[in-house]
Amino acid sequence: LSGNLSKPFERDIIVGTHNLSDGATSLVGSDKNGRMKIYPNPSSGIFNIMTQNSPIEGIEIYDVLGKQIDFNINNQDNTNLVLDLSNASTGIYFVKIKSNNQVVTKKIIKK
């Protein structure tokens, strides 16, 4: 109503050590260097998680209130997973992914 417009954006929240053996400046989960992707985002419930050469060791999903959410996962291999949130309500969720003993949290939107 006021005429102000905003554009959606994503911000990576990275928890862990910033020093990697390959000399990279950010963690496995950073989209900036193309090492991890969660797509499509937003989605109607099916999300693909893809990493480059880094096995996914664990995944947790939380809603905006911090409640852990149940989900289904289809392991294609250690670096490509299909995350199924079809039974979850529409909204914003945070996916906590452990890879290479580091943790990356990504925001996803289920529409």
N, C-alpha and C. Protein backbone atom coordinates (compact mmCIF):
# COMPACT_ATOMS: atom_id res chain seq x y z
N LEU A 1 0.81 -1.20 0.00
CA LEU A 1 0.00 0.00 0.00
C LEU A 1 0.85 1.26 0.00
N SER A 2 2.01 1.21 0.63
CA SER A 2 2.86 2.39 0.69
C SER A 2 3.67 2.58 -0.59
N GLY A 3 3.70 1.57 -1.44
CA GLY A 3 4.49 1.65 -2.67
C GLY A 3 5.89 1.11 -2.52
N ASN A 4 6.29 0.76 -1.29
CA ASN A 4 7.61 0.20 -1.07
C ASN A 4 7.63 -1.25 -1.57
N LEU A 5 8.69 -1.62 -2.24
CA LEU A 5 8.84 -2.96 -2.76
C LEU A 5 10.10 -3.59 -2.20
N SER A 6 10.07 -4.87 -1.97
CA SER A 6 11.29 -5.56 -1.57
C SER A 6 11.43 -6.80 -2.42
N LYS A 7 12.65 -7.22 -2.59
CA LYS A 7 12.94 -8.40 -3.37
C LYS A 7 13.40 -9.51 -2.44
N PRO A 8 12.96 -10.76 -2.70
CA PRO A 8 13.42 -11.86 -1.85
C PRO A 8 14.92 -12.09 -2.04
N PHE A 9 15.56 -12.53 -0.99
CA PHE A 9 16.98 -12.84 -1.08
C PHE A 9 17.28 -14.00 -0.16
N GLU A 10 18.45 -14.61 -0.35
CA GLU A 10 18.91 -15.71 0.49
C GLU A 10 20.20 -15.31 1.15
N ARG A 11 20.35 -15.75 2.38
CA ARG A 11 21.60 -15.51 3.09
C ARG A 11 22.06 -16.84 3.65
N ASP A 12 23.30 -17.20 3.38
CA ASP A 12 23.87 -18.43 3.92
C ASP A 12 24.28 -18.17 5.36
N ILE A 13 23.98 -19.11 6.23
CA ILE A 13 24.43 -19.06 7.61
C ILE A 13 25.39 -20.22 7.78
N ILE A 14 26.64 -19.91 8.01
CA ILE A 14 27.66 -20.94 8.05
C ILE A 14 28.21 -21.03 9.47
N VAL A 15 28.23 -22.25 10.01
CA VAL A 15 28.77 -22.50 11.33
C VAL A 15 29.89 -23.50 11.18
N GLY A 16 31.08 -23.14 11.62
CA GLY A 16 32.19 -24.09 11.51
C GLY A 16 33.48 -23.36 11.20
N THR A 17 34.47 -24.12 10.83
CA THR A 17 35.79 -23.58 10.53
C THR A 17 35.83 -23.06 9.11
N HIS A 18 36.50 -21.94 8.92
CA HIS A 18 36.60 -21.36 7.59
C HIS A 18 37.84 -21.80 6.82
N ASN A 19 38.72 -22.54 7.45
CA ASN A 19 39.95 -22.97 6.79
C ASN A 19 39.75 -24.35 6.18
N LEU A 20 39.89 -24.43 4.88
CA LEU A 20 39.74 -25.71 4.19
C LEU A 20 41.08 -26.13 3.61
N SER A 21 41.28 -27.44 3.51
CA SER A 21 42.55 -27.95 3.02
C SER A 21 42.81 -27.58 1.57
N ASP A 22 41.73 -27.36 0.77
CA ASP A 22 41.93 -27.04 -0.64
C ASP A 22 42.14 -25.54 -0.89
N GLY A 23 42.23 -24.75 0.19
CA GLY A 23 42.48 -23.32 0.05
C GLY A 23 41.24 -22.50 -0.24
N ALA A 24 40.06 -23.11 -0.27
CA ALA A 24 38.83 -22.35 -0.53
C ALA A 24 38.57 -21.41 0.64
N THR A 25 37.85 -20.34 0.36
CA THR A 25 37.61 -19.34 1.38
C THR A 25 36.28 -19.51 2.09
N SER A 26 35.45 -20.44 1.65
CA SER A 26 34.20 -20.68 2.34
C SER A 26 33.93 -22.18 2.42
N LEU A 27 32.90 -22.54 3.16
CA LEU A 27 32.62 -23.94 3.43
C LEU A 27 31.93 -24.64 2.27
N VAL A 28 31.78 -25.92 2.42
CA VAL A 28 31.15 -26.77 1.41
C VAL A 28 29.77 -26.25 1.04
N GLY A 29 29.05 -25.64 1.96
CA GLY A 29 27.68 -25.24 1.71
C GLY A 29 27.51 -23.94 0.98
N SER A 30 28.54 -23.27 0.64
CA SER A 30 28.41 -21.97 0.02
C SER A 30 28.05 -22.07 -1.45
N ASP A 31 26.94 -21.45 -1.85
CA ASP A 31 26.57 -21.40 -3.26
C ASP A 31 27.53 -20.51 -4.05
N LYS A 32 28.22 -19.63 -3.36
CA LYS A 32 29.09 -18.68 -4.06
C LYS A 32 30.19 -19.38 -4.83
N ASN A 33 30.64 -20.54 -4.33
CA ASN A 33 31.67 -21.26 -5.07
C ASN A 33 31.11 -22.51 -5.73
N GLY A 34 29.79 -22.66 -5.70
CA GLY A 34 29.15 -23.73 -6.44
C GLY A 34 29.33 -25.13 -5.88
N ARG A 35 29.66 -25.25 -4.60
CA ARG A 35 29.90 -26.58 -4.04
C ARG A 35 28.65 -27.25 -3.51
N MET A 36 27.57 -26.49 -3.23
CA MET A 36 26.33 -27.09 -2.77
C MET A 36 25.15 -26.33 -3.36
N LYS A 37 24.15 -27.10 -3.78
CA LYS A 37 22.94 -26.48 -4.32
C LYS A 37 21.73 -27.19 -3.75
N ILE A 38 20.71 -26.40 -3.38
CA ILE A 38 19.40 -26.93 -3.03
C ILE A 38 18.43 -26.31 -4.01
N TYR A 39 17.78 -27.14 -4.79
CA TYR A 39 16.90 -26.64 -5.84
C TYR A 39 15.75 -27.59 -6.07
N PRO A 40 14.64 -27.22 -6.64
CA PRO A 40 14.22 -25.83 -6.82
C PRO A 40 13.86 -25.23 -5.46
N ASN A 41 13.99 -23.95 -5.35
CA ASN A 41 13.67 -23.26 -4.10
C ASN A 41 13.11 -21.89 -4.45
N PRO A 42 11.83 -21.67 -4.25
CA PRO A 42 10.83 -22.46 -3.54
C PRO A 42 10.38 -23.68 -4.33
N SER A 43 9.73 -24.62 -3.60
CA SER A 43 9.26 -25.86 -4.19
C SER A 43 7.94 -26.27 -3.55
N SER A 44 7.22 -27.16 -4.22
CA SER A 44 5.98 -27.67 -3.65
C SER A 44 6.25 -28.80 -2.65
N GLY A 45 7.49 -29.14 -2.43
CA GLY A 45 7.82 -30.13 -1.41
C GLY A 45 8.99 -31.03 -1.73
N ILE A 46 9.39 -31.12 -2.99
CA ILE A 46 10.52 -31.96 -3.38
C ILE A 46 11.73 -31.05 -3.67
N PHE A 47 12.81 -31.25 -2.90
CA PHE A 47 14.03 -30.46 -3.06
C PHE A 47 15.18 -31.40 -3.38
N ASN A 48 16.05 -30.98 -4.27
CA ASN A 48 17.27 -31.72 -4.59
C ASN A 48 18.43 -31.05 -3.87
N ILE A 49 19.27 -31.86 -3.24
CA ILE A 49 20.48 -31.36 -2.59
C ILE A 49 21.65 -32.00 -3.30
N MET A 50 22.54 -31.17 -3.80
CA MET A 50 23.69 -31.66 -4.55
C MET A 50 24.96 -31.00 -4.02
N THR A 51 25.97 -31.81 -3.72
CA THR A 51 27.27 -31.29 -3.32
C THR A 51 28.32 -31.80 -4.30
N GLN A 52 29.42 -31.10 -4.33
CA GLN A 52 30.52 -31.50 -5.21
C GLN A 52 31.58 -32.18 -4.37
N ASN A 53 31.76 -33.48 -4.56
CA ASN A 53 32.85 -34.23 -3.94
C ASN A 53 32.84 -34.22 -2.42
N SER A 54 31.71 -33.90 -1.79
CA SER A 54 31.63 -33.88 -0.33
C SER A 54 30.41 -34.66 0.11
N PRO A 55 30.59 -35.82 0.72
CA PRO A 55 29.44 -36.60 1.14
C PRO A 55 28.63 -35.90 2.22
N ILE A 56 27.32 -36.03 2.12
CA ILE A 56 26.42 -35.47 3.13
C ILE A 56 26.35 -36.49 4.26
N GLU A 57 26.68 -36.05 5.48
CA GLU A 57 26.74 -36.94 6.62
C GLU A 57 25.47 -36.90 7.47
N GLY A 58 24.69 -35.83 7.36
CA GLY A 58 23.47 -35.72 8.16
C GLY A 58 22.65 -34.51 7.76
N ILE A 59 21.33 -34.62 7.93
CA ILE A 59 20.41 -33.53 7.60
C ILE A 59 19.38 -33.42 8.71
N GLU A 60 19.11 -32.18 9.13
CA GLU A 60 18.01 -31.89 10.06
C GLU A 60 17.24 -30.72 9.47
N ILE A 61 15.91 -30.70 9.72
CA ILE A 61 15.08 -29.62 9.19
C ILE A 61 14.27 -29.03 10.34
N TYR A 62 14.24 -27.69 10.38
CA TYR A 62 13.53 -26.97 11.43
C TYR A 62 12.58 -25.95 10.81
N ASP A 63 11.43 -25.72 11.49
CA ASP A 63 10.54 -24.65 11.03
C ASP A 63 11.02 -23.34 11.64
N VAL A 64 10.32 -22.24 11.37
CA VAL A 64 10.76 -20.93 11.83
C VAL A 64 10.69 -20.78 13.35
N LEU A 65 9.95 -21.67 14.02
CA LEU A 65 9.87 -21.63 15.47
C LEU A 65 10.93 -22.51 16.14
N GLY A 66 11.74 -23.19 15.32
CA GLY A 66 12.80 -24.04 15.84
C GLY A 66 12.39 -25.47 16.11
N LYS A 67 11.18 -25.85 15.72
CA LYS A 67 10.71 -27.23 15.91
C LYS A 67 11.28 -28.10 14.80
N GLN A 68 11.86 -29.25 15.20
CA GLN A 68 12.41 -30.17 14.20
C GLN A 68 11.27 -30.83 13.43
N ILE A 69 11.42 -30.93 12.12
CA ILE A 69 10.40 -31.42 11.21
C ILE A 69 10.79 -32.81 10.69
N ASP A 70 9.79 -33.71 10.60
CA ASP A 70 10.01 -35.02 9.99
C ASP A 70 10.02 -34.86 8.47
N PHE A 71 10.83 -35.66 7.80
CA PHE A 71 10.93 -35.59 6.35
C PHE A 71 11.37 -36.95 5.82
N ASN A 72 11.20 -37.12 4.53
CA ASN A 72 11.68 -38.32 3.84
C ASN A 72 12.85 -37.94 2.96
N ILE A 73 13.76 -38.86 2.80
CA ILE A 73 14.92 -38.59 1.96
C ILE A 73 15.20 -39.79 1.07
N ASN A 74 15.58 -39.50 -0.16
CA ASN A 74 15.94 -40.53 -1.11
C ASN A 74 17.42 -40.37 -1.43
N ASN A 75 18.23 -41.32 -0.98
CA ASN A 75 19.67 -41.28 -1.24
C ASN A 75 19.95 -41.75 -2.64
N GLN A 76 20.34 -40.85 -3.51
CA GLN A 76 20.78 -41.27 -4.83
C GLN A 76 22.23 -41.71 -4.74
N ASP A 77 23.02 -40.97 -4.00
CA ASP A 77 24.38 -41.33 -3.63
C ASP A 77 24.76 -40.38 -2.50
N ASN A 78 26.01 -40.40 -2.07
CA ASN A 78 26.41 -39.57 -0.93
C ASN A 78 26.45 -38.08 -1.21
N THR A 79 26.40 -37.70 -2.48
CA THR A 79 26.49 -36.27 -2.82
C THR A 79 25.24 -35.73 -3.48
N ASN A 80 24.24 -36.58 -3.76
CA ASN A 80 22.99 -36.14 -4.38
C ASN A 80 21.82 -36.79 -3.64
N LEU A 81 20.96 -35.95 -3.06
CA LEU A 81 19.82 -36.44 -2.30
C LEU A 81 18.55 -35.76 -2.78
N VAL A 82 17.42 -36.44 -2.60
CA VAL A 82 16.11 -35.85 -2.87
C VAL A 82 15.39 -35.77 -1.53
N LEU A 83 15.08 -34.56 -1.12
CA LEU A 83 14.43 -34.28 0.15
C LEU A 83 12.94 -34.09 -0.10
N ASP A 84 12.10 -34.86 0.60
CA ASP A 84 10.66 -34.81 0.40
C ASP A 84 9.96 -34.20 1.60
N LEU A 85 9.45 -32.98 1.42
CA LEU A 85 8.68 -32.29 2.45
C LEU A 85 7.22 -32.15 2.02
N SER A 86 6.74 -33.07 1.20
CA SER A 86 5.37 -32.99 0.68
C SER A 86 4.33 -32.97 1.79
N ASN A 87 4.59 -33.65 2.89
CA ASN A 87 3.63 -33.72 3.98
C ASN A 87 3.72 -32.54 4.95
N ALA A 88 4.71 -31.68 4.79
CA ALA A 88 4.88 -30.52 5.67
C ALA A 88 3.98 -29.38 5.21
N SER A 89 3.68 -28.50 6.13
CA SER A 89 2.86 -27.32 5.82
C SER A 89 3.64 -26.35 4.95
N THR A 90 2.91 -25.50 4.26
CA THR A 90 3.53 -24.43 3.49
C THR A 90 4.27 -23.50 4.44
N GLY A 91 5.46 -23.06 4.06
CA GLY A 91 6.19 -22.12 4.91
C GLY A 91 7.68 -22.13 4.67
N ILE A 92 8.39 -21.51 5.60
CA ILE A 92 9.84 -21.38 5.54
C ILE A 92 10.46 -22.40 6.48
N TYR A 93 11.49 -23.08 6.00
CA TYR A 93 12.19 -24.08 6.79
C TYR A 93 13.69 -23.84 6.68
N PHE A 94 14.41 -24.35 7.66
CA PHE A 94 15.86 -24.27 7.65
C PHE A 94 16.42 -25.69 7.62
N VAL A 95 17.27 -25.94 6.63
CA VAL A 95 17.88 -27.25 6.45
C VAL A 95 19.31 -27.16 6.98
N LYS A 96 19.61 -27.99 7.96
CA LYS A 96 20.94 -28.04 8.56
C LYS A 96 21.65 -29.26 7.98
N ILE A 97 22.71 -29.03 7.24
CA ILE A 97 23.41 -30.09 6.52
C ILE A 97 24.83 -30.22 7.07
N LYS A 98 25.18 -31.47 7.46
CA LYS A 98 26.53 -31.74 7.92
C LYS A 98 27.29 -32.41 6.79
N SER A 99 28.44 -31.85 6.46
CA SER A 99 29.29 -32.39 5.41
C SER A 99 30.74 -32.04 5.73
N ASN A 100 31.61 -32.99 5.63
CA ASN A 100 33.04 -32.78 5.94
C ASN A 100 33.23 -32.22 7.34
N ASN A 101 32.49 -32.74 8.32
CA ASN A 101 32.56 -32.30 9.72
C ASN A 101 32.28 -30.82 9.89
N GLN A 102 31.55 -30.24 8.97
CA GLN A 102 31.13 -28.84 9.04
C GLN A 102 29.63 -28.79 8.86
N VAL A 103 29.00 -27.74 9.38
CA VAL A 103 27.55 -27.62 9.32
C VAL A 103 27.17 -26.36 8.56
N VAL A 104 26.24 -26.52 7.61
CA VAL A 104 25.73 -25.41 6.82
C VAL A 104 24.23 -25.38 7.00
N THR A 105 23.65 -24.21 7.20
CA THR A 105 22.20 -24.06 7.32
C THR A 105 21.69 -23.25 6.14
N LYS A 106 20.70 -23.78 5.46
CA LYS A 106 20.10 -23.12 4.29
C LYS A 106 18.61 -22.92 4.53
N LYS A 107 18.10 -21.82 4.02
CA LYS A 107 16.67 -21.55 4.09
C LYS A 107 16.00 -22.09 2.83
N ILE A 108 14.88 -22.82 3.02
CA ILE A 108 14.09 -23.28 1.89
C ILE A 108 12.64 -22.86 2.11
N ILE A 109 11.91 -22.74 1.02
CA ILE A 109 10.51 -22.33 1.09
C ILE A 109 9.67 -23.40 0.43
N LYS A 110 8.68 -23.90 1.19
CA LYS A 110 7.73 -24.85 0.63
C LYS A 110 6.45 -24.08 0.32
N LYS A 111 6.07 -24.14 -0.94
CA LYS A 111 4.87 -23.39 -1.35
C LYS A 111 3.68 -24.30 -1.51
